Amino acid sequence: MNALKEWATVVRALEAGDQTVLLRKGGILEAASGFVIESKKFFLFPTFEHQSLDNIKPQFARYLDVVKDRPDEGQNVITSYAEVVAEADLASLEKISALSEFHIWSDPYIKARVSWMPQKTLKAVLLRTYKIPAVHIPIKPEYHGCKSWIDINANPEAGIPVLSESEIKVRLERFLEVTS
């Protein structure tokens, strides 16, 4: 199954229900194509680069603790997968800002992401996250680099949804209201 590389802090926020939307343009290696959803269901593969207090809202600073608890060198631990509920391509900073309730990133970080490759729209992806028993993954050379997707030769066990069906429905309605 595919895995999406995402900050460990964001993965923890998704697992806690404090984040339900990802805002992506793609990695440096995807500059030409931009971010493309390669799978509607995927592992969340925590990464430990580029995370700092400046990049997240102060009330979510606790999620930075996960960076201190990173797995041993050459290993990673996957504890969740996600399913795409809805997606939208956004160019309007007003609409992007209106999605602030759905994520832990700071306003300055979001503005920096919007400014990077300004010719590309930002992909907003509403996710439903599921917690699973820990899956220990050896890091392969092909997992390295600034790319969004990697192929993990594993399938998740049945997961426990982080948010209820009714909570997801409310967030979907709000997401569609903002992105339409």
Protein backbone atom coordinates (compact mmCIF):
# COMPACT_ATOMS: atom_id res chain seq x y z
CA MET A 1 0.00 0.00 0.00
CA ASN A 2 1.15 3.55 -0.62
CA ALA A 3 2.22 5.83 2.19
CA LEU A 4 2.12 9.60 2.30
CA LYS A 5 5.15 11.23 3.87
CA GLU A 6 3.99 13.87 6.34
CA TRP A 7 5.46 15.68 9.33
CA ALA A 8 5.33 13.53 12.47
CA THR A 9 3.66 16.45 14.27
CA VAL A 10 0.87 16.52 11.69
CA VAL A 11 0.48 12.73 11.80
CA ARG A 12 -0.03 12.96 15.58
CA ALA A 13 -2.53 15.80 15.13
CA LEU A 14 -4.43 13.72 12.54
CA GLU A 15 -4.43 10.78 14.96
CA ALA A 16 -5.81 13.00 17.72
CA GLY A 17 -8.52 14.55 15.53
CA ASP A 18 -7.00 18.04 15.84
CA GLN A 19 -6.25 18.05 12.10
CA THR A 20 -8.37 16.72 9.27
CA VAL A 21 -7.08 18.63 6.24
CA LEU A 22 -3.72 18.48 4.50
CA LEU A 23 -2.58 21.37 2.32
CA ARG A 24 -0.03 20.23 -0.25
CA LYS A 25 1.79 21.42 -3.36
CA GLY A 26 4.11 18.44 -3.60
CA GLY A 27 7.74 17.86 -2.75
CA ILE A 28 10.72 19.37 -4.51
CA LEU A 29 10.95 16.23 -6.65
CA GLU A 30 7.33 16.85 -7.73
CA ALA A 31 7.79 20.47 -8.77
CA ALA A 32 6.69 19.87 -12.36
CA SER A 33 3.54 17.90 -11.58
CA GLY A 34 2.59 19.35 -8.22
CA PHE A 35 0.81 17.25 -5.62
CA VAL A 36 -1.31 14.42 -7.01
CA ILE A 37 -3.37 12.05 -4.90
CA GLU A 38 -1.99 8.64 -5.85
CA SER A 39 -4.17 6.63 -3.47
CA LYS A 40 -7.53 7.20 -1.79
CA LYS A 41 -6.35 5.07 1.16
CA PHE A 42 -2.78 5.23 2.44
CA PHE A 43 -0.48 4.89 5.41
CA LEU A 44 0.66 8.08 7.15
CA PHE A 45 4.47 7.90 7.12
CA PRO A 46 5.86 10.29 9.76
CA THR A 47 8.86 12.41 8.79
CA PHE A 48 11.03 14.43 11.14
CA GLU A 49 12.47 17.24 9.00
CA HIS A 50 11.34 20.87 8.70
CA GLN A 51 9.27 20.94 11.91
CA SER A 52 9.58 23.86 14.28
CA LEU A 53 7.54 25.89 16.72
CA ASP A 54 7.28 28.70 14.14
CA ASN A 55 5.45 26.40 11.74
CA ILE A 56 2.59 25.38 14.00
CA LYS A 57 -0.02 27.22 16.04
CA PRO A 58 1.09 27.73 19.67
CA GLN A 59 -1.76 25.69 21.13
CA PHE A 60 -0.42 22.63 19.28
CA ALA A 61 3.23 22.94 20.40
CA ARG A 62 2.84 19.68 22.34
CA TYR A 63 2.95 17.77 19.06
CA LEU A 64 6.60 18.76 18.62
CA ASP A 65 7.45 16.26 21.40
CA VAL A 66 7.08 13.49 18.82
CA VAL A 67 10.27 14.75 17.12
CA LYS A 68 12.25 13.90 20.28
CA ASP A 69 10.82 10.37 20.26
CA ARG A 70 11.79 9.58 16.70
CA PRO A 71 12.45 5.92 15.88
CA ASP A 72 15.94 4.46 15.75
CA GLU A 73 18.07 5.31 12.71
CA GLY A 74 17.00 3.26 9.69
CA GLN A 75 13.52 2.58 11.10
CA ASN A 76 10.10 4.20 11.11
CA VAL A 77 6.87 3.38 12.91
CA ILE A 78 3.49 3.75 11.27
CA THR A 79 0.51 4.04 13.60
CA SER A 80 -2.26 5.20 11.27
CA TYR A 81 -3.70 5.27 7.80
CA ALA A 82 -6.08 7.71 6.16
CA GLU A 83 -8.79 7.80 3.55
CA VAL A 84 -9.54 10.78 1.30
CA VAL A 85 -13.02 12.15 2.02
CA ALA A 86 -12.85 15.20 -0.28
CA GLU A 87 -10.31 17.32 -2.11
CA ALA A 88 -10.12 20.73 -3.74
CA ASP A 89 -7.54 22.78 -5.64
CA LEU A 90 -7.30 26.24 -4.10
CA ALA A 91 -5.61 29.39 -5.36
CA SER A 92 -7.46 31.92 -3.18
CA LEU A 93 -5.60 32.85 0.00
CA GLU A 94 -8.99 33.73 1.49
CA LYS A 95 -10.27 30.15 1.03
CA ILE A 96 -6.98 28.67 2.18
CA SER A 97 -7.08 30.84 5.32
CA ALA A 98 -10.67 29.79 5.97
CA LEU A 99 -9.43 26.21 6.34
CA SER A 100 -7.36 27.17 9.40
CA GLU A 101 -9.80 25.40 11.73
CA PHE A 102 -8.86 22.10 10.05
CA HIS A 103 -5.09 22.08 10.70
CA ILE A 104 -2.30 22.92 13.15
CA TRP A 105 -0.04 24.98 10.84
CA SER A 106 0.66 28.64 11.64
CA ASP A 107 -0.53 31.44 9.35
CA PRO A 108 3.06 32.44 8.41
CA TYR A 109 3.85 28.84 7.46
CA ILE A 110 0.72 28.60 5.28
CA LYS A 111 1.60 31.90 3.55
CA ALA A 112 5.10 30.57 2.86
CA ARG A 113 3.63 27.36 1.37
CA VAL A 114 1.29 29.37 -0.84
CA SER A 115 4.21 31.54 -2.02
CA TRP A 116 6.36 28.52 -2.91
CA MET A 117 5.77 27.67 -6.58
CA PRO A 118 3.07 30.37 -6.86
CA GLN A 119 1.99 29.08 -10.28
CA LYS A 120 0.72 25.89 -8.60
CA THR A 121 -2.56 25.71 -6.72
CA LEU A 122 -2.66 24.27 -3.23
CA LYS A 123 -4.36 20.91 -2.90
CA ALA A 124 -6.65 20.73 0.15
CA VAL A 125 -7.42 17.14 1.18
CA LEU A 126 -9.97 16.26 3.86
CA LEU A 127 -8.98 12.98 5.51
CA ARG A 128 -10.54 10.40 7.76
CA THR A 129 -7.78 8.94 9.91
CA TYR A 130 -7.65 5.48 11.47
CA LYS A 131 -5.37 4.34 14.30
CA ILE A 132 -3.71 0.94 13.86
CA PRO A 133 -1.29 -1.18 15.88
CA ALA A 134 2.28 -0.01 15.28
CA VAL A 135 3.90 -1.23 12.07
CA HIS A 136 7.71 -1.10 12.16
CA ILE A 137 9.16 -0.26 8.76
CA PRO A 138 12.83 -0.40 7.77
CA ILE A 139 13.80 2.74 5.84
CA LYS A 140 14.72 1.86 2.26
CA PRO A 141 16.87 4.15 0.07
CA GLU A 142 13.88 4.83 -2.20
CA TYR A 143 11.99 6.40 0.73
CA HIS A 144 14.46 9.28 0.94
CA GLY A 145 14.04 12.63 -0.81
CA CYS A 146 11.46 15.38 -1.03
CA LYS A 147 8.63 13.39 -2.52
CA SER A 148 5.16 12.84 -1.14
CA TRP A 149 4.44 9.18 -1.91
CA ILE A 150 6.30 5.97 -1.24
CA ASP A 151 5.28 2.35 -1.71
CA ILE A 152 5.29 0.31 1.49
CA ASN A 153 5.00 -3.43 1.10
CA ALA A 154 2.42 -3.85 3.87
CA ASN A 155 -1.30 -3.72 4.41
CA PRO A 156 -2.92 -2.17 7.47
CA GLU A 157 -4.86 -4.08 10.03
CA ALA A 158 -8.40 -2.88 10.57
CA GLY A 159 -8.18 0.58 12.05
CA ILE A 160 -10.19 2.46 14.62
CA PRO A 161 -11.57 5.74 13.23
CA VAL A 162 -10.28 8.79 15.07
CA LEU A 163 -13.51 10.72 14.49
CA SER A 164 -17.07 9.43 14.37
CA GLU A 165 -19.12 9.34 11.19
CA SER A 166 -21.15 12.34 12.39
CA GLU A 167 -17.98 14.36 13.17
CA ILE A 168 -16.62 13.64 9.69
CA LYS A 169 -19.95 14.62 8.13
CA VAL A 170 -19.88 18.01 9.92
CA ARG A 171 -16.28 18.63 8.81
CA LEU A 172 -17.09 17.59 5.24
CA GLU A 173 -19.99 20.04 5.09
CA ARG A 174 -17.76 22.85 6.38
CA PHE A 175 -14.92 21.87 4.02
CA LEU A 176 -17.27 21.95 1.01
CA GLU A 177 -18.70 25.28 2.17
CA VAL A 178 -15.20 26.80 2.29
CA THR A 179 -13.81 25.24 -0.90
CA SER A 180 -16.84 25.66 -3.21
